[in-house]
Amino acid sequence: MEKNLLIQNLKSKAGVDNLSDRTYDEVATLFLSQFADDEKVTEETYSIPLQMLKTMSGQLRHDVADGISRGKSLWETEQKTAQQKAIDEAMSAFKAQWEKDHPTNEPPKQTPPQQEKTMEEQIAEAVSKAISGITGEDGALGKLTKQFTDYMAKTEQEKKDAFVNKIREDLKSYLLDVRMADREPVVNLAIKELTIDEKSDFDKLKIEVEKKYESLYKDFYGDSGSSPYAGGAGGNQNSNKEFEDFIKERQKKAEEEAKAAKDLESHMM
């Protein structure tokens, strides 16, 4: 069994969606010798690599969840500590300034009610300013919040990318293995030209990719009489070479049209 087919089978049988292509490649490399003879491959042969993949998937989910939980707890603890520190520092600074402005050797003065209120306002203002410096974008809490937000965004994006990659692999398997598509390079191009995101409906994508594949097949092979779903004839060297030449020709034509449009625009200016 070839390595790429083993990787495809492992992805299909594992039933997990959070492992990278590199992980599947490494596991396939590790167990490839056990799949050398196709006739001896059974479901039991798959049991150990599949168990390894599922274990790795579960550990990854646990690590991500644990990281988010620890990050949240750390953020809350840091926030409380920083706020209390800001209040303490503001009070100490105000007290030091107050003692400087009111030496102990001076006779005590009667502070009018209005003056007491002004002092309370000054303390509140000092505390507010200190807290703002901590929680602002450049403050300790502000930086910690940004790190936590960036981590969550990265984790979410990785999850979306893994979902989209799995859909692309499933579409390829659907065309090649279920519909018996005849030209793998055309299959790859058809999938590449689809717009796929985490909200895509797989059943609708199957219809779209069939239409796209058939359209590209017709563009490439014309009315040769061959069927895009003949099966068994795809992927040989000649067809791949012809397909690559076809793609190069399309790119060359697009570049020439773009150059002509640019030349026309320069003459009109």
C-alpha atoms as a PDB file:
ATOM      1  CA  MET A   1       0.000   0.000   0.000  1.00  0.00           C
ATOM      2  CA  GLU A   2       1.330   3.436  -0.899  1.00  0.00           C
ATOM      3  CA  LYS A   3       1.895   5.959   1.860  1.00  0.00           C
ATOM      4  CA  ASN A   4      -0.617   8.525   0.503  1.00  0.00           C
ATOM      5  CA  LEU A   5      -3.367   5.892   0.370  1.00  0.00           C
ATOM      6  CA  LEU A   6      -2.532   4.785   3.922  1.00  0.00           C
ATOM      7  CA  ILE A   7      -2.758   8.409   5.126  1.00  0.00           C
ATOM      8  CA  GLN A   8      -6.122   8.798   3.382  1.00  0.00           C
ATOM      9  CA  ASN A   9      -7.441   5.577   4.962  1.00  0.00           C
ATOM     10  CA  LEU A  10      -6.212   6.603   8.421  1.00  0.00           C
ATOM     11  CA  LYS A  11      -7.973   9.972   8.135  1.00  0.00           C
ATOM     12  CA  SER A  12     -11.185   8.278   7.049  1.00  0.00           C
ATOM     13  CA  LYS A  13     -11.134   5.587   9.739  1.00  0.00           C
ATOM     14  CA  ALA A  14      -9.865   7.709  12.668  1.00  0.00           C
ATOM     15  CA  GLY A  15     -12.906   9.994  12.664  1.00  0.00           C
ATOM     16  CA  VAL A  16     -11.089  12.938  14.286  1.00  0.00           C
ATOM     17  CA  ASP A  17     -10.835  16.495  12.986  1.00  0.00           C
ATOM     18  CA  ASN A  18      -8.122  18.206  15.022  1.00  0.00           C
ATOM     19  CA  LEU A  19      -4.904  16.519  13.884  1.00  0.00           C
ATOM     20  CA  SER A  20      -2.526  18.064  11.349  1.00  0.00           C
ATOM     21  CA  ASP A  21      -1.437  16.514   8.053  1.00  0.00           C
ATOM     22  CA  ARG A  22       2.069  16.235   9.501  1.00  0.00           C
ATOM     23  CA  THR A  23       0.747  14.036  12.341  1.00  0.00           C
ATOM     24  CA  TYR A  24      -0.932  11.657   9.881  1.00  0.00           C
ATOM     25  CA  ASP A  25       2.247  11.587   7.777  1.00  0.00           C
ATOM     26  CA  GLU A  26       4.422  10.674  10.765  1.00  0.00           C
ATOM     27  CA  VAL A  27       2.049   7.927  11.950  1.00  0.00           C
ATOM     28  CA  ALA A  28       1.796   6.519   8.423  1.00  0.00           C
ATOM     29  CA  THR A  29       5.603   6.486   8.119  1.00  0.00           C
ATOM     30  CA  LEU A  30       5.884   4.644  11.441  1.00  0.00           C
ATOM     31  CA  PHE A  31       3.462   1.854  10.479  1.00  0.00           C
ATOM     32  CA  LEU A  32       3.958   1.759   6.686  1.00  0.00           C
ATOM     33  CA  SER A  33       5.883  -1.523   6.782  1.00  0.00           C
ATOM     34  CA  GLN A  34       2.850  -3.301   8.280  1.00  0.00           C
ATOM     35  CA  PHE A  35       0.788  -2.311   5.221  1.00  0.00           C
ATOM     36  CA  ALA A  36       3.315  -3.353   2.573  1.00  0.00           C
ATOM     37  CA  ASP A  37       1.283  -6.407   1.497  1.00  0.00           C
ATOM     38  CA  ASP A  38      -2.275  -5.332   0.654  1.00  0.00           C
ATOM     39  CA  GLU A  39      -3.558  -8.894   0.856  1.00  0.00           C
ATOM     40  CA  LYS A  40      -2.512  -9.186   4.491  1.00  0.00           C
ATOM     41  CA  VAL A  41      -4.039  -5.870   5.577  1.00  0.00           C
ATOM     42  CA  THR A  42      -7.135  -6.290   7.775  1.00  0.00           C
ATOM     43  CA  GLU A  43      -9.100  -4.101  10.143  1.00  0.00           C
ATOM     44  CA  GLU A  44      -6.902  -5.478  12.928  1.00  0.00           C
ATOM     45  CA  THR A  45      -3.853  -4.071  11.117  1.00  0.00           C
ATOM     46  CA  TYR A  46      -5.354  -0.603  11.475  1.00  0.00           C
ATOM     47  CA  SER A  47      -6.181  -0.963  15.179  1.00  0.00           C
ATOM     48  CA  ILE A  48      -2.875   0.226  16.675  1.00  0.00           C
ATOM     49  CA  PRO A  49      -2.275   3.302  14.426  1.00  0.00           C
ATOM     50  CA  LEU A  50      -5.935   4.298  14.769  1.00  0.00           C
ATOM     51  CA  GLN A  51      -5.766   4.001  18.561  1.00  0.00           C
ATOM     52  CA  MET A  52      -2.631   6.156  18.524  1.00  0.00           C
ATOM     53  CA  LEU A  53      -4.339   8.833  16.418  1.00  0.00           C
ATOM     54  CA  LYS A  54      -7.431   8.872  18.641  1.00  0.00           C
ATOM     55  CA  THR A  55      -5.289   9.121  21.765  1.00  0.00           C
ATOM     56  CA  MET A  56      -3.317  12.021  20.267  1.00  0.00           C
ATOM     57  CA  SER A  57      -6.576  13.739  19.280  1.00  0.00           C
ATOM     58  CA  GLY A  58      -8.014  13.359  22.785  1.00  0.00           C
ATOM     59  CA  GLN A  59      -4.815  14.652  24.389  1.00  0.00           C
ATOM     60  CA  LEU A  60      -4.796  17.653  22.049  1.00  0.00           C
ATOM     61  CA  ARG A  61      -8.384  18.518  22.946  1.00  0.00           C
ATOM     62  CA  HIS A  62      -7.538  18.167  26.647  1.00  0.00           C
ATOM     63  CA  ASP A  63      -4.436  20.362  26.325  1.00  0.00           C
ATOM     64  CA  VAL A  64      -6.341  23.084  24.484  1.00  0.00           C
ATOM     65  CA  ALA A  65      -9.180  23.068  27.030  1.00  0.00           C
ATOM     66  CA  ASP A  66      -6.711  23.027  29.930  1.00  0.00           C
ATOM     67  CA  GLY A  67      -4.721  25.881  28.388  1.00  0.00           C
ATOM     68  CA  ILE A  68      -7.834  28.013  28.016  1.00  0.00           C
ATOM     69  CA  SER A  69      -8.910  27.279  31.614  1.00  0.00           C
ATOM     70  CA  ARG A  70      -5.460  28.058  33.035  1.00  0.00           C
ATOM     71  CA  GLY A  71      -5.208  31.207  30.925  1.00  0.00           C
ATOM     72  CA  LYS A  72      -8.552  32.453  32.218  1.00  0.00           C
ATOM     73  CA  SER A  73      -7.652  31.735  35.872  1.00  0.00           C
ATOM     74  CA  LEU A  74      -4.275  33.427  35.456  1.00  0.00           C
ATOM     75  CA  TRP A  75      -5.908  36.464  33.862  1.00  0.00           C
ATOM     76  CA  GLU A  76      -8.438  36.816  36.718  1.00  0.00           C
ATOM     77  CA  THR A  77      -5.743  36.423  39.392  1.00  0.00           C
ATOM     78  CA  GLU A  78      -3.434  38.917  37.700  1.00  0.00           C
ATOM     79  CA  GLN A  79      -6.285  41.376  37.358  1.00  0.00           C
ATOM     80  CA  LYS A  80      -7.147  41.289  41.069  1.00  0.00           C
ATOM     81  CA  THR A  81      -3.494  41.508  42.117  1.00  0.00           C
ATOM     82  CA  ALA A  82      -2.743  44.387  39.746  1.00  0.00           C
ATOM     83  CA  GLN A  83      -5.806  46.364  40.828  1.00  0.00           C
ATOM     84  CA  GLN A  84      -4.958  45.989  44.511  1.00  0.00           C
ATOM     85  CA  LYS A  85      -1.351  46.950  43.833  1.00  0.00           C
ATOM     86  CA  ALA A  86      -2.494  50.039  41.917  1.00  0.00           C
ATOM     87  CA  ILE A  87      -4.755  51.079  44.800  1.00  0.00           C
ATOM     88  CA  ASP A  88      -1.968  50.548  47.374  1.00  0.00           C
ATOM     89  CA  GLU A  89       0.539  52.511  45.300  1.00  0.00           C
ATOM     90  CA  ALA A  90      -1.903  55.346  44.716  1.00  0.00           C
ATOM     91  CA  MET A  91      -2.722  55.563  48.429  1.00  0.00           C
ATOM     92  CA  SER A  92       0.984  55.501  49.395  1.00  0.00           C
ATOM     93  CA  ALA A  93       1.828  58.209  46.871  1.00  0.00           C
ATOM     94  CA  PHE A  94      -1.028  60.394  48.031  1.00  0.00           C
ATOM     95  CA  LYS A  95      -0.122  59.862  51.699  1.00  0.00           C
ATOM     96  CA  ALA A  96       3.518  60.790  51.034  1.00  0.00           C
ATOM     97  CA  GLN A  97       2.485  63.954  49.222  1.00  0.00           C
ATOM     98  CA  TRP A  98       0.017  64.814  51.956  1.00  0.00           C
ATOM     99  CA  GLU A  99       2.662  64.426  54.688  1.00  0.00           C
ATOM    100  CA  LYS A 100       5.070  66.550  52.646  1.00  0.00           C
ATOM    101  CA  ASP A 101       2.505  69.311  52.306  1.00  0.00           C
ATOM    102  CA  HIS A 102       1.438  69.039  55.975  1.00  0.00           C
ATOM    103  CA  PRO A 103       4.527  68.564  58.235  1.00  0.00           C
ATOM    104  CA  THR A 104       3.831  67.117  61.712  1.00  0.00           C
ATOM    105  CA  ASN A 105       5.425  70.097  63.476  1.00  0.00           C
ATOM    106  CA  GLU A 106       2.710  72.388  62.232  1.00  0.00           C
ATOM    107  CA  PRO A 107      -0.284  72.881  64.471  1.00  0.00           C
ATOM    108  CA  PRO A 108      -3.246  70.816  63.369  1.00  0.00           C
ATOM    109  CA  LYS A 109      -5.696  72.716  61.241  1.00  0.00           C
ATOM    110  CA  GLN A 110      -9.415  72.441  61.041  1.00  0.00           C
ATOM    111  CA  THR A 111     -10.318  71.058  57.645  1.00  0.00           C
ATOM    112  CA  PRO A 112     -13.550  72.402  56.325  1.00  0.00           C
ATOM    113  CA  PRO A 113     -16.066  69.842  55.052  1.00  0.00           C
ATOM    114  CA  GLN A 114     -15.523  71.034  51.490  1.00  0.00           C
ATOM    115  CA  GLN A 115     -11.776  70.405  51.802  1.00  0.00           C
ATOM    116  CA  GLU A 116     -12.400  66.826  53.048  1.00  0.00           C
ATOM    117  CA  LYS A 117     -14.562  66.160  50.033  1.00  0.00           C
ATOM    118  CA  THR A 118     -11.874  67.496  47.735  1.00  0.00           C
ATOM    119  CA  MET A 119      -9.314  65.136  49.322  1.00  0.00           C
ATOM    120  CA  GLU A 120     -11.624  62.149  48.717  1.00  0.00           C
ATOM    121  CA  GLU A 121     -12.015  63.216  45.134  1.00  0.00           C
ATOM    122  CA  GLN A 122      -8.233  63.464  44.769  1.00  0.00           C
ATOM    123  CA  ILE A 123      -7.765  59.951  46.174  1.00  0.00           C
ATOM    124  CA  ALA A 124     -10.424  58.561  43.836  1.00  0.00           C
ATOM    125  CA  GLU A 125      -8.789  60.318  40.892  1.00  0.00           C
ATOM    126  CA  ALA A 126      -5.338  58.968  41.813  1.00  0.00           C
ATOM    127  CA  VAL A 127      -6.664  55.425  42.173  1.00  0.00           C
ATOM    128  CA  SER A 128      -8.563  55.653  38.883  1.00  0.00           C
ATOM    129  CA  LYS A 129      -5.462  56.925  37.084  1.00  0.00           C
ATOM    130  CA  ALA A 130      -3.288  54.142  38.519  1.00  0.00           C
ATOM    131  CA  ILE A 131      -5.784  51.430  37.573  1.00  0.00           C
ATOM    132  CA  SER A 132      -6.099  52.892  34.094  1.00  0.00           C
ATOM    133  CA  GLY A 133      -2.345  52.601  33.663  1.00  0.00           C
ATOM    134  CA  ILE A 134      -2.501  48.910  34.579  1.00  0.00           C
ATOM    135  CA  THR A 135      -5.554  47.937  32.536  1.00  0.00           C
ATOM    136  CA  GLY A 136      -4.744  50.081  29.493  1.00  0.00           C
ATOM    137  CA  GLU A 137      -3.478  48.605  26.237  1.00  0.00           C
ATOM    138  CA  ASP A 138       0.173  49.007  27.295  1.00  0.00           C
ATOM    139  CA  GLY A 139      -0.426  48.008  30.922  1.00  0.00           C
ATOM    140  CA  ALA A 140       0.201  44.586  32.463  1.00  0.00           C
ATOM    141  CA  LEU A 141      -3.448  43.544  32.329  1.00  0.00           C
ATOM    142  CA  GLY A 142      -3.916  45.029  28.884  1.00  0.00           C
ATOM    143  CA  LYS A 143      -1.019  42.981  27.506  1.00  0.00           C
ATOM    144  CA  LEU A 144      -2.210  39.831  29.267  1.00  0.00           C
ATOM    145  CA  THR A 145      -5.715  40.302  27.849  1.00  0.00           C
ATOM    146  CA  LYS A 146      -4.316  40.720  24.331  1.00  0.00           C
ATOM    147  CA  GLN A 147      -2.200  37.571  24.689  1.00  0.00           C
ATOM    148  CA  PHE A 148      -5.229  35.588  25.813  1.00  0.00           C
ATOM    149  CA  THR A 149      -7.361  36.988  22.967  1.00  0.00           C
ATOM    150  CA  ASP A 150      -4.651  36.228  20.384  1.00  0.00           C
ATOM    151  CA  TYR A 151      -4.313  32.677  21.719  1.00  0.00           C
ATOM    152  CA  MET A 152      -8.059  32.085  21.431  1.00  0.00           C
ATOM    153  CA  ALA A 153      -8.118  33.527  17.894  1.00  0.00           C
ATOM    154  CA  LYS A 154      -5.190  31.319  16.819  1.00  0.00           C
ATOM    155  CA  THR A 155      -6.810  28.204  18.306  1.00  0.00           C
ATOM    156  CA  GLU A 156     -10.102  28.983  16.559  1.00  0.00           C
ATOM    157  CA  GLN A 157      -8.350  29.580  13.219  1.00  0.00           C
ATOM    158  CA  GLU A 158      -6.448  26.294  13.479  1.00  0.00           C
ATOM    159  CA  LYS A 159      -9.720  24.505  14.154  1.00  0.00           C
ATOM    160  CA  LYS A 160     -11.325  26.152  11.093  1.00  0.00           C
ATOM    161  CA  ASP A 161      -8.322  25.271   8.893  1.00  0.00           C
ATOM    162  CA  ALA A 162      -8.440  21.644  10.040  1.00  0.00           C
ATOM    163  CA  PHE A 163     -12.170  21.491   9.264  1.00  0.00           C
ATOM    164  CA  VAL A 164     -11.682  22.942   5.762  1.00  0.00           C
ATOM    165  CA  ASN A 165      -8.746  20.600   5.022  1.00  0.00           C
ATOM    166  CA  LYS A 166     -10.823  17.597   6.078  1.00  0.00           C
ATOM    167  CA  ILE A 167     -13.666  18.666   3.773  1.00  0.00           C
ATOM    168  CA  ARG A 168     -11.205  18.960   0.867  1.00  0.00           C
ATOM    169  CA  GLU A 169      -9.845  15.473   1.577  1.00  0.00           C
ATOM    170  CA  ASP A 170     -13.374  14.051   1.844  1.00  0.00           C
ATOM    171  CA  LEU A 171     -14.375  15.683  -1.460  1.00  0.00           C
ATOM    172  CA  LYS A 172     -11.330  14.199  -3.147  1.00  0.00           C
ATOM    173  CA  SER A 173     -12.138  10.768  -1.735  1.00  0.00           C
ATOM    174  CA  TYR A 174     -15.748  11.175  -2.862  1.00  0.00           C
ATOM    175  CA  LEU A 175     -14.789  11.964  -6.477  1.00  0.00           C
ATOM    176  CA  LEU A 176     -12.028   9.356  -6.785  1.00  0.00           C
ATOM    177  CA  ASP A 177     -13.381   6.470  -4.705  1.00  0.00           C
ATOM    178  CA  VAL A 178     -17.173   6.896  -4.893  1.00  0.00           C
ATOM    179  CA  ARG A 179     -17.770   8.605  -8.246  1.00  0.00           C
ATOM    180  CA  MET A 180     -14.681   6.943  -9.794  1.00  0.00           C
ATOM    181  CA  ALA A 181     -13.400  10.203 -11.303  1.00  0.00           C
ATOM    182  CA  ASP A 182     -10.990   9.497 -14.138  1.00  0.00           C
ATOM    183  CA  ARG A 183      -8.388  12.289 -13.751  1.00  0.00           C
ATOM    184  CA  GLU A 184      -6.919  13.062 -10.322  1.00  0.00           C
ATOM    185  CA  PRO A 185      -5.199  16.330 -11.416  1.00  0.00           C
ATOM    186  CA  VAL A 186      -8.562  17.649 -12.633  1.00  0.00           C
ATOM    187  CA  VAL A 187     -10.097  16.553  -9.322  1.00  0.00           C
ATOM    188  CA  ASN A 188      -7.455  18.537  -7.414  1.00  0.00           C
ATOM    189  CA  LEU A 189      -8.071  21.651  -9.505  1.00  0.00           C
ATOM    190  CA  ALA A 190     -11.847  21.372  -9.117  1.00  0.00           C
ATOM    191  CA  ILE A 191     -11.544  21.207  -5.319  1.00  0.00           C
ATOM    192  CA  LYS A 192      -9.018  24.041  -5.262  1.00  0.00           C
ATOM    193  CA  GLU A 193     -11.402  26.367  -7.104  1.00  0.00           C
ATOM    194  CA  LEU A 194     -14.226  25.792  -4.592  1.00  0.00           C
ATOM    195  CA  THR A 195     -14.954  28.309  -1.832  1.00  0.00           C
ATOM    196  CA  ILE A 196     -14.970  26.351   1.436  1.00  0.00           C
ATOM    197  CA  ASP A 197     -15.284  27.589   5.013  1.00  0.00           C
ATOM    198  CA  GLU A 198     -16.357  26.247   8.411  1.00  0.00           C
ATOM    199  CA  LYS A 199     -20.046  26.852   7.556  1.00  0.00           C
ATOM    200  CA  SER A 200     -20.008  24.922   4.260  1.00  0.00           C
ATOM    201  CA  ASP A 201     -22.564  22.174   3.715  1.00  0.00           C
ATOM    202  CA  PHE A 202     -20.790  18.994   2.582  1.00  0.00           C
ATOM    203  CA  ASP A 203     -23.735  17.637   0.565  1.00  0.00           C
ATOM    204  CA  LYS A 204     -23.982  20.899  -1.390  1.00  0.00           C
ATOM    205  CA  LEU A 205     -20.224  20.905  -1.938  1.00  0.00           C
ATOM    206  CA  LYS A 206     -20.410  17.407  -3.437  1.00  0.00           C
ATOM    207  CA  ILE A 207     -22.836  18.704  -6.066  1.00  0.00           C
ATOM    208  CA  GLU A 208     -20.689  21.771  -6.727  1.00  0.00           C
ATOM    209  CA  VAL A 209     -17.434  19.825  -7.028  1.00  0.00           C
ATOM    210  CA  GLU A 210     -19.037  17.344  -9.456  1.00  0.00           C
ATOM    211  CA  LYS A 211     -20.165  20.201 -11.707  1.00  0.00           C
ATOM    212  CA  LYS A 212     -16.782  21.905 -11.430  1.00  0.00           C
ATOM    213  CA  TYR A 213     -14.927  18.667 -12.207  1.00  0.00           C
ATOM    214  CA  GLU A 214     -17.124  17.889 -15.212  1.00  0.00           C
ATOM    215  CA  SER A 215     -16.739  21.451 -16.543  1.00  0.00           C
ATOM    216  CA  LEU A 216     -12.939  21.382 -16.207  1.00  0.00           C
ATOM    217  CA  TYR A 217     -12.823  17.902 -17.713  1.00  0.00           C
ATOM    218  CA  LYS A 218     -14.734  19.146 -20.743  1.00  0.00           C
ATOM    219  CA  ASP A 219     -12.481  22.227 -21.037  1.00  0.00           C
ATOM    220  CA  PHE A 220      -9.409  20.044 -21.000  1.00  0.00           C
ATOM    221  CA  TYR A 221     -10.463  16.991 -23.013  1.00  0.00           C
ATOM    222  CA  GLY A 222     -13.211  18.549 -25.140  1.00  0.00           C
ATOM    223  CA  ASP A 223     -15.542  16.201 -26.968  1.00  0.00           C
ATOM    224  CA  SER A 224     -13.113  13.289 -26.988  1.00  0.00           C
ATOM    225  CA  GLY A 225     -15.900  10.866 -26.130  1.00  0.00           C
ATOM    226  CA  SER A 226     -14.248   9.770 -22.898  1.00  0.00           C
ATOM    227  CA  SER A 227     -16.223   9.833 -19.666  1.00  0.00           C
ATOM    228  CA  PRO A 228     -15.033  11.851 -16.674  1.00  0.00           C
ATOM    229  CA  TYR A 229     -16.145   8.953 -14.463  1.00  0.00           C
ATOM    230  CA  ALA A 230     -14.748   6.011 -16.407  1.00  0.00           C
ATOM    231  CA  GLY A 231     -12.587   4.916 -13.477  1.00  0.00           C
ATOM    232  CA  GLY A 232      -9.214   3.258 -13.487  1.00  0.00           C
ATOM    233  CA  ALA A 233      -7.624   5.467 -16.152  1.00  0.00           C
ATOM    234  CA  GLY A 234      -6.779   8.522 -14.063  1.00  0.00           C
ATOM    235  CA  GLY A 235      -3.460   9.556 -12.698  1.00  0.00           C
ATOM    236  CA  ASN A 236      -1.129   8.084 -15.332  1.00  0.00           C
ATOM    237  CA  GLN A 237       1.974  10.004 -16.416  1.00  0.00           C
ATOM    238  CA  ASN A 238       0.699  10.969 -19.854  1.00  0.00           C
ATOM    239  CA  SER A 239      -2.595  12.392 -18.599  1.00  0.00           C
ATOM    240  CA  ASN A 240      -0.793  14.274 -15.846  1.00  0.00           C
ATOM    241  CA  LYS A 241       1.658  15.756 -18.375  1.00  0.00           C
ATOM    242  CA  GLU A 242      -1.177  16.766 -20.681  1.00  0.00           C
ATOM    243  CA  PHE A 243      -3.027  18.342 -17.808  1.00  0.00           C
ATOM    244  CA  GLU A 244       0.023  20.311 -16.655  1.00  0.00           C
ATOM    245  CA  ASP A 245       0.523  21.582 -20.223  1.00  0.00           C
ATOM    246  CA  PHE A 246      -3.129  22.604 -20.321  1.00  0.00           C
ATOM    247  CA  ILE A 247      -2.832  24.561 -17.066  1.00  0.00           C
ATOM    248  CA  LYS A 248       0.340  26.283 -18.266  1.00  0.00           C
ATOM    249  CA  GLU A 249      -1.424  27.254 -21.484  1.00  0.00           C
ATOM    250  CA  ARG A 250      -4.331  28.750 -19.521  1.00  0.00           C
ATOM    251  CA  GLN A 251      -1.933  30.717 -17.316  1.00  0.00           C
ATOM    252  CA  LYS A 252       0.030  31.944 -20.334  1.00  0.00           C
ATOM    253  CA  LYS A 253      -3.178  33.110 -22.019  1.00  0.00           C
ATOM    254  CA  ALA A 254      -4.307  34.934 -18.856  1.00  0.00           C
ATOM    255  CA  GLU A 255      -0.907  36.662 -18.575  1.00  0.00           C
ATOM    256  CA  GLU A 256      -1.037  37.745 -22.227  1.00  0.00           C
ATOM    257  CA  GLU A 257      -4.532  39.173 -21.782  1.00  0.00           C
ATOM    258  CA  ALA A 258      -3.448  41.032 -18.652  1.00  0.00           C
ATOM    259  CA  LYS A 259      -0.402  42.467 -20.453  1.00  0.00           C
ATOM    260  CA  ALA A 260      -2.526  43.561 -23.416  1.00  0.00           C
ATOM    261  CA  ALA A 261      -4.976  45.294 -21.083  1.00  0.00           C
ATOM    262  CA  LYS A 262      -2.111  47.069 -19.307  1.00  0.00           C
ATOM    263  CA  ASP A 263      -0.567  48.207 -22.614  1.00  0.00           C
ATOM    264  CA  LEU A 264      -3.931  49.543 -23.784  1.00  0.00           C
ATOM    265  CA  GLU A 265      -4.386  51.418 -20.507  1.00  0.00           C
ATOM    266  CA  SER A 266      -0.922  53.002 -20.780  1.00  0.00           C
ATOM    267  CA  HIS A 267      -1.669  54.258 -24.323  1.00  0.00           C
ATOM    268  CA  MET A 268      -4.957  55.798 -23.187  1.00  0.00           C
ATOM    269  CA  MET A 269      -3.348  57.801 -20.363  1.00  0.00           C
END
